[in-house]
Amino acid sequence: MSQIELNEKKIQILNVAEKLFSEKGFEGTSIRDISKEAKINIAMVSYYFGSKERLLEALILYKTVDLKLQLENLLQENIEPLDKVNKLIEIYVNRICLNKGIYRVLHFELYNKKREKSLQAFTELKKGNLKSVESIIKQGQDQGVFRKDVNIQLITPTIIGTFFHFHMNRSFFEELLGLKTEEMFNNYINNDLKKHIQQTIKALLVYEN
């Protein structure tokens, strides 16, 4: 499903589904709950999406397909390899910050064997994104800037995993770092955490002096 196929009602349903799935879980949310929260007839939700599983699939693609476009555009940019990787990390951190709800849903649903079929399209999207990341790093390798022995498949999990460990232990880090407000917490992510991830990935990619 692409964003072109979405009308205002569908987007409204998807946004409500994201909110409820992230709060109550996929299993704990019914089509009736979604229709009630969205103030839309239950039959309309079924008409647009068919089932809750198809709704989840549509939601994931709706919220993640623009990441694919951003990575493809980054690949074409004429900038230094390390600048490109830093920008790659910035894109991932920004996307997760803007879509915390859907990433929370994904964190739980990707482990559910019953959801494999629903998430097949998302799996294909991730494979495409990995190819873009591989191409970006290969550009640096071809220029002799990046190491040849990098495990490229683990770069994205390192970025996302670091972010989620920080976010899922929020209260611990808020107390540890004195992050007393939402603004302070978000500023820390956008500055300190992002810089830390960039330094970590640089250490994995660049030859030691």
N, C-alpha and C. Protein backbone atom coordinates (compact mmCIF):
# COMPACT_ATOMS: atom_id res chain seq x y z
N MET A 1 0.85 -1.19 0.00
CA MET A 1 0.00 0.00 0.00
C MET A 1 0.88 1.23 0.00
N SER A 2 0.63 2.18 -0.86
CA SER A 2 1.37 3.43 -0.89
C SER A 2 0.49 4.54 -0.36
N GLN A 3 1.13 5.67 -0.04
CA GLN A 3 0.36 6.78 0.50
C GLN A 3 -0.60 7.34 -0.53
N ILE A 4 -0.35 7.13 -1.82
CA ILE A 4 -1.23 7.62 -2.87
C ILE A 4 -2.62 7.01 -2.74
N GLU A 5 -2.69 5.78 -2.26
CA GLU A 5 -3.97 5.07 -2.16
C GLU A 5 -4.79 5.50 -0.93
N LEU A 6 -4.21 6.32 -0.08
CA LEU A 6 -4.88 6.65 1.17
C LEU A 6 -5.70 7.93 1.05
N ASN A 7 -6.93 7.86 1.57
CA ASN A 7 -7.75 9.07 1.67
C ASN A 7 -7.78 9.52 3.14
N GLU A 8 -8.49 10.62 3.39
CA GLU A 8 -8.50 11.20 4.73
C GLU A 8 -9.04 10.24 5.78
N LYS A 9 -10.10 9.49 5.43
CA LYS A 9 -10.70 8.54 6.38
C LYS A 9 -9.74 7.41 6.72
N LYS A 10 -9.05 6.89 5.70
CA LYS A 10 -8.10 5.81 5.93
C LYS A 10 -6.97 6.27 6.85
N ILE A 11 -6.47 7.47 6.60
CA ILE A 11 -5.39 8.01 7.42
C ILE A 11 -5.85 8.20 8.86
N GLN A 12 -7.09 8.65 9.03
CA GLN A 12 -7.66 8.81 10.37
C GLN A 12 -7.71 7.46 11.10
N ILE A 13 -8.16 6.43 10.40
CA ILE A 13 -8.23 5.08 10.98
C ILE A 13 -6.83 4.58 11.34
N LEU A 14 -5.86 4.78 10.45
CA LEU A 14 -4.49 4.32 10.70
C LEU A 14 -3.87 5.02 11.91
N ASN A 15 -4.11 6.31 12.04
CA ASN A 15 -3.55 7.04 13.18
C ASN A 15 -4.16 6.58 14.50
N VAL A 16 -5.45 6.30 14.49
CA VAL A 16 -6.12 5.79 15.70
C VAL A 16 -5.60 4.38 16.01
N ALA A 17 -5.46 3.54 14.98
CA ALA A 17 -4.95 2.18 15.17
C ALA A 17 -3.55 2.21 15.77
N GLU A 18 -2.69 3.10 15.29
CA GLU A 18 -1.33 3.22 15.84
C GLU A 18 -1.38 3.54 17.33
N LYS A 19 -2.22 4.50 17.69
CA LYS A 19 -2.34 4.92 19.09
C LYS A 19 -2.80 3.75 19.97
N LEU A 20 -3.85 3.05 19.53
CA LEU A 20 -4.41 1.97 20.35
C LEU A 20 -3.50 0.74 20.38
N PHE A 21 -2.91 0.38 19.23
CA PHE A 21 -1.99 -0.76 19.20
C PHE A 21 -0.80 -0.52 20.13
N SER A 22 -0.28 0.72 20.14
CA SER A 22 0.90 1.02 20.97
C SER A 22 0.53 1.07 22.46
N GLU A 23 -0.71 1.44 22.76
CA GLU A 23 -1.14 1.52 24.17
C GLU A 23 -1.63 0.18 24.71
N LYS A 24 -2.45 -0.52 23.91
CA LYS A 24 -3.11 -1.74 24.39
C LYS A 24 -2.57 -3.03 23.77
N GLY A 25 -1.66 -2.89 22.80
CA GLY A 25 -1.16 -4.05 22.09
C GLY A 25 -2.11 -4.45 20.96
N PHE A 26 -1.60 -5.22 20.03
CA PHE A 26 -2.41 -5.65 18.88
C PHE A 26 -3.55 -6.55 19.33
N GLU A 27 -3.23 -7.54 20.16
CA GLU A 27 -4.23 -8.49 20.62
C GLU A 27 -5.29 -7.81 21.49
N GLY A 28 -4.87 -6.79 22.24
CA GLY A 28 -5.78 -6.12 23.16
C GLY A 28 -6.65 -5.06 22.52
N THR A 29 -6.49 -4.86 21.22
CA THR A 29 -7.28 -3.85 20.49
C THR A 29 -8.19 -4.53 19.49
N SER A 30 -9.45 -4.16 19.46
CA SER A 30 -10.39 -4.73 18.49
C SER A 30 -10.73 -3.70 17.42
N ILE A 31 -11.26 -4.19 16.31
CA ILE A 31 -11.75 -3.30 15.25
C ILE A 31 -12.82 -2.37 15.82
N ARG A 32 -13.63 -2.90 16.73
CA ARG A 32 -14.66 -2.08 17.38
C ARG A 32 -14.03 -0.93 18.17
N ASP A 33 -12.94 -1.22 18.88
CA ASP A 33 -12.23 -0.17 19.64
C ASP A 33 -11.76 0.93 18.70
N ILE A 34 -11.19 0.52 17.57
CA ILE A 34 -10.65 1.47 16.59
C ILE A 34 -11.76 2.33 15.99
N SER A 35 -12.86 1.67 15.60
CA SER A 35 -13.97 2.41 14.99
C SER A 35 -14.59 3.39 15.99
N LYS A 36 -14.68 2.97 17.25
CA LYS A 36 -15.25 3.85 18.29
C LYS A 36 -14.37 5.07 18.51
N GLU A 37 -13.06 4.84 18.64
CA GLU A 37 -12.11 5.93 18.88
C GLU A 37 -12.06 6.89 17.69
N ALA A 38 -12.15 6.31 16.47
CA ALA A 38 -12.08 7.12 15.25
C ALA A 38 -13.43 7.75 14.89
N LYS A 39 -14.48 7.34 15.65
CA LYS A 39 -15.85 7.82 15.38
C LYS A 39 -16.27 7.50 13.94
N ILE A 40 -15.97 6.25 13.56
CA ILE A 40 -16.28 5.76 12.21
C ILE A 40 -17.02 4.44 12.35
N ASN A 41 -17.96 4.20 11.47
CA ASN A 41 -18.73 2.95 11.48
C ASN A 41 -17.78 1.75 11.37
N ILE A 42 -18.05 0.73 12.18
CA ILE A 42 -17.18 -0.46 12.19
C ILE A 42 -17.11 -1.13 10.81
N ALA A 43 -18.19 -1.06 10.07
CA ALA A 43 -18.22 -1.66 8.72
C ALA A 43 -17.27 -0.94 7.77
N MET A 44 -17.08 0.36 7.98
CA MET A 44 -16.19 1.13 7.12
C MET A 44 -14.73 0.71 7.33
N VAL A 45 -14.36 0.43 8.58
CA VAL A 45 -13.00 -0.03 8.88
C VAL A 45 -12.74 -1.35 8.16
N SER A 46 -13.72 -2.26 8.26
CA SER A 46 -13.60 -3.56 7.60
C SER A 46 -13.58 -3.41 6.08
N TYR A 47 -14.37 -2.48 5.57
CA TYR A 47 -14.43 -2.24 4.12
C TYR A 47 -13.08 -1.76 3.59
N TYR A 48 -12.47 -0.83 4.32
CA TYR A 48 -11.20 -0.27 3.87
C TYR A 48 -10.03 -1.24 4.00
N PHE A 49 -10.01 -2.03 5.09
CA PHE A 49 -8.82 -2.83 5.38
C PHE A 49 -9.06 -4.34 5.43
N GLY A 50 -10.31 -4.77 5.53
CA GLY A 50 -10.61 -6.20 5.48
C GLY A 50 -10.49 -6.91 6.81
N SER A 51 -9.34 -6.77 7.47
CA SER A 51 -9.13 -7.44 8.76
C SER A 51 -8.15 -6.62 9.59
N LYS A 52 -8.04 -6.99 10.84
CA LYS A 52 -7.12 -6.28 11.74
C LYS A 52 -5.67 -6.51 11.30
N GLU A 53 -5.37 -7.72 10.80
CA GLU A 53 -4.02 -8.02 10.33
C GLU A 53 -3.65 -7.16 9.12
N ARG A 54 -4.62 -7.01 8.20
CA ARG A 54 -4.37 -6.16 7.02
C ARG A 54 -4.23 -4.69 7.42
N LEU A 55 -4.97 -4.30 8.44
CA LEU A 55 -4.86 -2.93 8.96
C LEU A 55 -3.46 -2.70 9.53
N LEU A 56 -2.95 -3.69 10.28
CA LEU A 56 -1.60 -3.58 10.83
C LEU A 56 -0.57 -3.46 9.71
N GLU A 57 -0.72 -4.28 8.67
CA GLU A 57 0.20 -4.24 7.53
C GLU A 57 0.17 -2.86 6.87
N ALA A 58 -1.04 -2.33 6.65
CA ALA A 58 -1.19 -1.02 6.02
C ALA A 58 -0.56 0.07 6.89
N LEU A 59 -0.74 -0.04 8.21
CA LEU A 59 -0.21 0.94 9.15
C LEU A 59 1.32 0.96 9.10
N ILE A 60 1.92 -0.22 9.12
CA ILE A 60 3.39 -0.31 9.11
C ILE A 60 3.96 0.29 7.83
N LEU A 61 3.35 -0.03 6.70
CA LEU A 61 3.84 0.51 5.42
C LEU A 61 3.63 2.02 5.35
N TYR A 62 2.48 2.47 5.82
CA TYR A 62 2.17 3.90 5.81
C TYR A 62 3.21 4.70 6.62
N LYS A 63 3.63 4.12 7.75
CA LYS A 63 4.54 4.83 8.65
C LYS A 63 6.02 4.64 8.29
N THR A 64 6.35 3.66 7.46
CA THR A 64 7.76 3.37 7.21
C THR A 64 8.21 3.54 5.76
N VAL A 65 7.26 3.68 4.83
CA VAL A 65 7.63 3.71 3.41
C VAL A 65 8.46 4.95 3.07
N ASP A 66 8.26 6.08 3.79
CA ASP A 66 9.03 7.27 3.46
C ASP A 66 10.50 7.13 3.86
N LEU A 67 10.81 6.22 4.82
CA LEU A 67 12.20 5.96 5.16
C LEU A 67 12.93 5.40 3.95
N LYS A 68 12.27 4.53 3.20
CA LYS A 68 12.84 3.95 1.99
C LYS A 68 13.23 5.05 0.99
N LEU A 69 12.34 6.02 0.81
CA LEU A 69 12.60 7.11 -0.13
C LEU A 69 13.76 7.98 0.36
N GLN A 70 13.81 8.24 1.67
CA GLN A 70 14.89 9.05 2.23
C GLN A 70 16.25 8.38 2.05
N LEU A 71 16.30 7.07 2.24
CA LEU A 71 17.56 6.33 2.08
C LEU A 71 17.99 6.30 0.61
N GLU A 72 17.03 6.12 -0.27
CA GLU A 72 17.35 6.11 -1.71
C GLU A 72 17.87 7.47 -2.16
N ASN A 73 17.26 8.55 -1.64
CA ASN A 73 17.72 9.90 -1.98
C ASN A 73 19.12 10.17 -1.41
N LEU A 74 19.36 9.70 -0.18
CA LEU A 74 20.67 9.88 0.45
C LEU A 74 21.76 9.18 -0.36
N LEU A 75 21.43 8.02 -0.87
CA LEU A 75 22.38 7.24 -1.66
C LEU A 75 22.90 8.05 -2.86
N GLN A 76 22.04 8.89 -3.42
CA GLN A 76 22.40 9.67 -4.62
C GLN A 76 23.13 10.97 -4.29
N GLU A 77 23.16 11.36 -3.02
CA GLU A 77 23.78 12.64 -2.66
C GLU A 77 25.29 12.59 -2.86
N ASN A 78 25.86 13.69 -3.33
CA ASN A 78 27.29 13.78 -3.61
C ASN A 78 28.01 14.40 -2.41
N ILE A 79 28.13 13.63 -1.32
CA ILE A 79 28.83 14.10 -0.12
C ILE A 79 29.81 13.02 0.33
N GLU A 80 30.70 13.37 1.25
CA GLU A 80 31.72 12.44 1.74
C GLU A 80 31.06 11.22 2.41
N PRO A 81 31.69 10.04 2.31
CA PRO A 81 31.10 8.81 2.86
C PRO A 81 30.70 8.91 4.33
N LEU A 82 31.57 9.50 5.17
CA LEU A 82 31.26 9.59 6.60
C LEU A 82 30.10 10.56 6.84
N ASP A 83 30.05 11.65 6.08
CA ASP A 83 28.93 12.59 6.19
C ASP A 83 27.62 11.89 5.82
N LYS A 84 27.72 11.01 4.82
CA LYS A 84 26.53 10.28 4.37
C LYS A 84 26.04 9.32 5.46
N VAL A 85 26.98 8.65 6.14
CA VAL A 85 26.62 7.73 7.21
C VAL A 85 26.04 8.50 8.40
N ASN A 86 26.63 9.66 8.72
CA ASN A 86 26.09 10.49 9.81
C ASN A 86 24.66 10.94 9.50
N LYS A 87 24.43 11.26 8.22
CA LYS A 87 23.10 11.67 7.80
C LYS A 87 22.13 10.48 7.86
N LEU A 88 22.63 9.29 7.53
CA LEU A 88 21.85 8.06 7.62
C LEU A 88 21.36 7.86 9.06
N ILE A 89 22.25 8.03 10.02
CA ILE A 89 21.90 7.88 11.44
C ILE A 89 20.88 8.93 11.85
N GLU A 90 21.08 10.14 11.37
CA GLU A 90 20.14 11.23 11.65
C GLU A 90 18.74 10.89 11.15
N ILE A 91 18.67 10.33 9.94
CA ILE A 91 17.38 9.93 9.35
C ILE A 91 16.70 8.89 10.23
N TYR A 92 17.45 7.86 10.65
CA TYR A 92 16.86 6.80 11.48
C TYR A 92 16.38 7.34 12.82
N VAL A 93 17.20 8.14 13.48
CA VAL A 93 16.81 8.69 14.80
C VAL A 93 15.58 9.58 14.66
N ASN A 94 15.56 10.43 13.64
CA ASN A 94 14.42 11.32 13.43
C ASN A 94 13.14 10.54 13.13
N ARG A 95 13.26 9.49 12.30
CA ARG A 95 12.08 8.69 11.94
C ARG A 95 11.52 7.99 13.17
N ILE A 96 12.38 7.44 14.01
CA ILE A 96 11.91 6.73 15.21
C ILE A 96 11.25 7.73 16.17
N CYS A 97 11.86 8.91 16.33
CA CYS A 97 11.30 9.92 17.23
C CYS A 97 9.91 10.35 16.77
N LEU A 98 9.73 10.46 15.47
CA LEU A 98 8.44 10.90 14.93
C LEU A 98 7.40 9.79 14.95
N ASN A 99 7.85 8.53 15.00
CA ASN A 99 6.93 7.40 14.90
C ASN A 99 7.13 6.41 16.05
N LYS A 100 7.24 6.94 17.27
CA LYS A 100 7.50 6.06 18.42
C LYS A 100 6.41 5.00 18.57
N GLY A 101 5.16 5.38 18.27
CA GLY A 101 4.04 4.45 18.42
C GLY A 101 4.19 3.21 17.57
N ILE A 102 4.45 3.41 16.28
CA ILE A 102 4.55 2.27 15.37
C ILE A 102 5.78 1.42 15.67
N TYR A 103 6.87 2.05 16.09
CA TYR A 103 8.06 1.26 16.42
C TYR A 103 7.84 0.44 17.69
N ARG A 104 7.02 0.96 18.60
CA ARG A 104 6.67 0.18 19.80
C ARG A 104 5.84 -1.04 19.40
N VAL A 105 4.90 -0.83 18.49
CA VAL A 105 4.08 -1.94 17.97
C VAL A 105 4.97 -2.97 17.30
N LEU A 106 5.88 -2.50 16.45
CA LEU A 106 6.77 -3.41 15.72
C LEU A 106 7.65 -4.21 16.67
N HIS A 107 8.13 -3.55 17.71
CA HIS A 107 9.01 -4.21 18.67
C HIS A 107 8.37 -5.48 19.22
N PHE A 108 7.06 -5.44 19.48
CA PHE A 108 6.36 -6.60 20.03
C PHE A 108 5.86 -7.54 18.94
N GLU A 109 5.32 -6.99 17.86
CA GLU A 109 4.68 -7.83 16.85
C GLU A 109 5.66 -8.62 15.98
N LEU A 110 6.88 -8.12 15.82
CA LEU A 110 7.86 -8.83 14.99
C LEU A 110 8.27 -10.17 15.61
N TYR A 111 8.05 -10.30 16.92
CA TYR A 111 8.39 -11.56 17.58
C TYR A 111 7.25 -12.57 17.54
N ASN A 112 6.11 -12.13 17.04
CA ASN A 112 4.91 -12.98 17.05
C ASN A 112 4.81 -13.77 15.75
N LYS A 113 4.95 -15.08 15.86
CA LYS A 113 4.93 -15.95 14.67
C LYS A 113 3.62 -15.83 13.90
N LYS A 114 2.52 -15.56 14.61
CA LYS A 114 1.21 -15.44 13.97
C LYS A 114 1.15 -14.23 13.04
N ARG A 115 2.07 -13.28 13.25
CA ARG A 115 2.02 -12.03 12.49
C ARG A 115 2.96 -12.05 11.29
N GLU A 116 3.65 -13.15 11.05
CA GLU A 116 4.64 -13.20 9.97
C GLU A 116 4.07 -12.83 8.62
N LYS A 117 2.89 -13.35 8.31
CA LYS A 117 2.28 -13.09 7.01
C LYS A 117 1.93 -11.61 6.85
N SER A 118 1.36 -11.02 7.93
CA SER A 118 0.99 -9.60 7.90
C SER A 118 2.20 -8.71 7.70
N LEU A 119 3.34 -9.15 8.23
CA LEU A 119 4.54 -8.32 8.20
C LEU A 119 5.47 -8.63 7.03
N GLN A 120 5.01 -9.48 6.10
CA GLN A 120 5.84 -9.87 4.97
C GLN A 120 6.24 -8.66 4.13
N ALA A 121 5.27 -7.77 3.88
CA ALA A 121 5.56 -6.58 3.06
C ALA A 121 6.58 -5.69 3.77
N PHE A 122 6.49 -5.61 5.10
CA PHE A 122 7.45 -4.82 5.87
C PHE A 122 8.83 -5.45 5.80
N THR A 123 8.88 -6.78 5.83
CA THR A 123 10.16 -7.49 5.72
C THR A 123 10.82 -7.17 4.38
N GLU A 124 10.03 -7.15 3.32
CA GLU A 124 10.57 -6.80 1.99
C GLU A 124 11.08 -5.37 1.97
N LEU A 125 10.35 -4.48 2.64
CA LEU A 125 10.76 -3.08 2.73
C LEU A 125 12.10 -2.96 3.46
N LYS A 126 12.25 -3.72 4.56
CA LYS A 126 13.50 -3.71 5.32
C LYS A 126 14.67 -4.21 4.49
N LYS A 127 14.41 -5.24 3.66
CA LYS A 127 15.47 -5.76 2.79
C LYS A 127 15.94 -4.69 1.81
N GLY A 128 14.97 -3.92 1.29
CA GLY A 128 15.30 -2.82 0.38
C GLY A 128 16.12 -1.74 1.08
N ASN A 129 15.72 -1.43 2.33
CA ASN A 129 16.45 -0.43 3.11
C ASN A 129 17.88 -0.90 3.40
N LEU A 130 18.03 -2.20 3.68
CA LEU A 130 19.36 -2.75 3.94
C LEU A 130 20.24 -2.63 2.71
N LYS A 131 19.66 -2.83 1.54
CA LYS A 131 20.43 -2.68 0.29
C LYS A 131 20.94 -1.24 0.14
N SER A 132 20.11 -0.27 0.52
CA SER A 132 20.53 1.14 0.46
C SER A 132 21.68 1.40 1.43
N VAL A 133 21.56 0.85 2.65
CA VAL A 133 22.63 1.01 3.65
C VAL A 133 23.91 0.35 3.15
N GLU A 134 23.78 -0.85 2.58
CA GLU A 134 24.94 -1.57 2.03
C GLU A 134 25.62 -0.74 0.94
N SER A 135 24.81 -0.13 0.08
CA SER A 135 25.36 0.66 -1.02
C SER A 135 26.09 1.90 -0.50
N ILE A 136 25.52 2.54 0.53
CA ILE A 136 26.15 3.73 1.12
C ILE A 136 27.51 3.36 1.71
N ILE A 137 27.58 2.24 2.43
CA ILE A 137 28.83 1.82 3.05
C ILE A 137 29.83 1.34 1.99
N LYS A 138 29.33 0.68 0.96
CA LYS A 138 30.21 0.21 -0.12
C LYS A 138 30.86 1.39 -0.84
N GLN A 139 30.12 2.50 -0.98
CA GLN A 139 30.71 3.69 -1.59
C GLN A 139 31.95 4.12 -0.82
N GLY A 140 31.85 4.09 0.53
CA GLY A 140 32.99 4.45 1.38
C GLY A 140 34.12 3.45 1.28
N GLN A 141 33.75 2.17 1.15
CA GLN A 141 34.78 1.13 1.01
C GLN A 141 35.52 1.28 -0.32
N ASP A 142 34.79 1.57 -1.37
CA ASP A 142 35.39 1.74 -2.70
C ASP A 142 36.35 2.92 -2.74
N GLN A 143 36.07 3.93 -1.89
CA GLN A 143 36.94 5.11 -1.82
C GLN A 143 38.09 4.92 -0.83
N GLY A 144 38.14 3.74 -0.19
CA GLY A 144 39.21 3.45 0.76
C GLY A 144 39.05 4.13 2.11
N VAL A 145 37.86 4.65 2.39
CA VAL A 145 37.60 5.35 3.65
C VAL A 145 37.11 4.39 4.73
N PHE A 146 36.30 3.41 4.35
CA PHE A 146 35.73 2.46 5.30
C PHE A 146 36.43 1.10 5.21
N ARG A 147 36.48 0.43 6.34
CA ARG A 147 37.06 -0.91 6.42
C ARG A 147 36.29 -1.89 5.54
N LYS A 148 37.00 -2.90 5.07
CA LYS A 148 36.37 -3.92 4.22
C LYS A 148 35.72 -5.03 5.05
N ASP A 149 36.12 -5.14 6.33
CA ASP A 149 35.64 -6.27 7.16
C ASP A 149 34.44 -5.89 8.03
N VAL A 150 33.70 -4.86 7.63
CA VAL A 150 32.54 -4.41 8.40
C VAL A 150 31.37 -5.38 8.21
N ASN A 151 30.68 -5.71 9.31
CA ASN A 151 29.46 -6.51 9.20
C ASN A 151 28.29 -5.55 8.97
N ILE A 152 28.02 -5.29 7.69
CA ILE A 152 27.03 -4.26 7.32
C ILE A 152 25.64 -4.60 7.85
N GLN A 153 25.31 -5.89 7.91
CA GLN A 153 23.97 -6.31 8.35
C GLN A 153 23.68 -5.88 9.79
N LEU A 154 24.74 -5.63 10.57
CA LEU A 154 24.54 -5.28 11.98
C LEU A 154 24.59 -3.77 12.23
N ILE A 155 24.80 -2.98 11.19
CA ILE A 155 24.86 -1.52 11.37
C ILE A 155 23.50 -0.97 11.79
N THR A 156 22.44 -1.34 11.05
CA THR A 156 21.10 -0.83 11.38
C THR A 156 20.64 -1.29 12.76
N PRO A 157 20.80 -2.58 13.14
CA PRO A 157 20.42 -2.99 14.49
C PRO A 157 21.20 -2.25 15.58
N THR A 158 22.45 -1.87 15.29
CA THR A 158 23.25 -1.12 16.27
C THR A 158 22.65 0.26 16.48
N ILE A 159 22.24 0.90 15.39
CA ILE A 159 21.62 2.23 15.48
C ILE A 159 20.30 2.15 16.25
N ILE A 160 19.40 1.27 15.77
CA ILE A 160 18.06 1.18 16.34
C ILE A 160 18.10 0.61 17.76
N GLY A 161 18.95 -0.40 17.97
CA GLY A 161 19.05 -1.03 19.29
C GLY A 161 19.52 -0.07 20.36
N THR A 162 20.50 0.78 20.03
CA THR A 162 21.00 1.78 20.99
C THR A 162 19.89 2.76 21.35
N PHE A 163 19.16 3.20 20.33
CA PHE A 163 18.05 4.13 20.57
C PHE A 163 17.01 3.50 21.49
N PHE A 164 16.62 2.26 21.19
CA PHE A 164 15.53 1.64 21.95
C PHE A 164 15.94 1.27 23.37
N HIS A 165 17.19 0.90 23.56
CA HIS A 165 17.63 0.63 24.93
C HIS A 165 17.49 1.90 25.76
N PHE A 166 17.90 3.02 25.19
CA PHE A 166 17.79 4.30 25.88
C PHE A 166 16.33 4.65 26.15
N HIS A 167 15.49 4.49 25.13
CA HIS A 167 14.10 4.91 25.25
C HIS A 167 13.30 3.99 26.17
N MET A 168 13.58 2.70 26.13
CA MET A 168 12.80 1.75 26.94
C MET A 168 13.26 1.75 28.41
N ASN A 169 14.38 2.41 28.68
CA ASN A 169 14.84 2.61 30.07
C ASN A 169 14.78 4.10 30.41
N ARG A 170 13.74 4.73 29.90
CA ARG A 170 13.61 6.18 30.00
C ARG A 170 13.73 6.71 31.43
N SER A 171 12.96 6.15 32.35
CA SER A 171 12.95 6.68 33.73
C SER A 171 14.33 6.58 34.37
N PHE A 172 15.06 5.50 34.06
CA PHE A 172 16.42 5.31 34.59
C PHE A 172 17.34 6.42 34.08
N PHE A 173 17.30 6.67 32.77
CA PHE A 173 18.19 7.68 32.18
C PHE A 173 17.76 9.11 32.55
N GLU A 174 16.45 9.32 32.72
CA GLU A 174 15.98 10.65 33.15
C GLU A 174 16.57 11.00 34.52
N GLU A 175 16.56 10.02 35.41
CA GLU A 175 17.12 10.26 36.76
C GLU A 175 18.64 10.36 36.70
N LEU A 176 19.27 9.47 35.95
CA LEU A 176 20.73 9.42 35.84
C LEU A 176 21.30 10.71 35.26
N LEU A 177 20.61 11.24 34.23
CA LEU A 177 21.13 12.38 33.47
C LEU A 177 20.45 13.70 33.84
N GLY A 178 19.50 13.65 34.78
CA GLY A 178 18.81 14.86 35.20
C GLY A 178 17.93 15.46 34.12
N LEU A 179 17.27 14.58 33.34
CA LEU A 179 16.40 15.05 32.26
C LEU A 179 14.98 15.20 32.82
N LYS A 180 14.68 16.40 33.33
CA LYS A 180 13.46 16.60 34.12
C LYS A 180 12.21 16.86 33.28
N THR A 181 12.36 17.23 32.03
CA THR A 181 11.19 17.56 31.19
C THR A 181 11.24 16.78 29.88
N GLU A 182 10.10 16.74 29.21
CA GLU A 182 10.01 16.09 27.89
C GLU A 182 10.97 16.75 26.91
N GLU A 183 11.06 18.08 26.99
CA GLU A 183 11.95 18.83 26.09
C GLU A 183 13.41 18.46 26.32
N MET A 184 13.79 18.34 27.58
CA MET A 184 15.18 17.96 27.91
C MET A 184 15.49 16.55 27.42
N PHE A 185 14.54 15.65 27.59
CA PHE A 185 14.72 14.27 27.15
C PHE A 185 14.90 14.21 25.63
N ASN A 186 14.01 14.90 24.90
CA ASN A 186 14.08 14.90 23.44
C ASN A 186 15.34 15.60 22.92
N ASN A 187 15.76 16.68 23.60
CA ASN A 187 16.99 17.37 23.20
C ASN A 187 18.20 16.47 23.39
N TYR A 188 18.18 15.66 24.46
CA TYR A 188 19.29 14.74 24.71
C TYR A 188 19.38 13.70 23.59
N ILE A 189 18.22 13.20 23.16
CA ILE A 189 18.20 12.23 22.05
C ILE A 189 18.75 12.86 20.79
N ASN A 190 18.27 14.07 20.46
CA ASN A 190 18.63 14.71 19.19
C ASN A 190 20.06 15.24 19.16
N ASN A 191 20.67 15.36 20.32
CA ASN A 191 22.06 15.85 20.36
C ASN A 191 23.02 14.77 20.86
N ASP A 192 22.97 14.50 22.16
CA ASP A 192 23.95 13.59 22.77
C ASP A 192 23.84 12.15 22.28
N LEU A 193 22.60 11.60 22.29
CA LEU A 193 22.44 10.20 21.89
C LEU A 193 22.77 10.01 20.41
N LYS A 194 22.29 10.93 19.59
CA LYS A 194 22.58 10.84 18.15
C LYS A 194 24.08 10.92 17.89
N LYS A 195 24.76 11.84 18.58
CA LYS A 195 26.21 11.98 18.43
C LYS A 195 26.94 10.71 18.88
N HIS A 196 26.47 10.12 19.98
CA HIS A 196 27.07 8.88 20.48
C HIS A 196 26.94 7.75 19.44
N ILE A 197 25.76 7.63 18.84
CA ILE A 197 25.55 6.59 17.83
C ILE A 197 26.44 6.85 16.62
N GLN A 198 26.56 8.10 16.21
CA GLN A 198 27.42 8.45 15.08
C GLN A 198 28.88 8.09 15.38
N GLN A 199 29.33 8.37 16.59
CA GLN A 199 30.71 8.05 16.98
C GLN A 199 30.93 6.53 17.01
N THR A 200 29.91 5.81 17.49
CA THR A 200 29.99 4.34 17.56
C THR A 200 30.11 3.74 16.17
N ILE A 201 29.25 4.18 15.25
CA ILE A 201 29.27 3.65 13.88
C ILE A 201 30.57 4.05 13.17
N LYS A 202 31.04 5.27 13.42
CA LYS A 202 32.32 5.71 12.83
C LYS A 202 33.45 4.79 13.28
N ALA A 203 33.45 4.45 14.59
CA ALA A 203 34.49 3.57 15.12
C ALA A 203 34.46 2.19 14.45
N LEU A 204 33.27 1.74 14.08
CA LEU A 204 33.14 0.43 13.40
C LEU A 204 33.59 0.51 11.95
N LEU A 205 33.40 1.66 11.31
CA LEU A 205 33.63 1.77 9.87
C LEU A 205 35.01 2.25 9.46
N VAL A 206 35.56 3.19 10.24
CA VAL A 206 36.77 3.91 9.79
C VAL A 206 38.03 3.22 10.30
N TYR A 207 39.07 3.20 9.46
CA TYR A 207 40.36 2.62 9.86
C TYR A 207 40.94 3.40 11.03
N GLU A 208 41.57 2.66 11.96
CA GLU A 208 42.22 3.32 13.10
C GLU A 208 43.44 4.06 12.61
N ASN A 209 43.70 5.23 13.22
CA ASN A 209 44.89 6.02 12.84
C ASN A 209 46.14 5.39 13.45
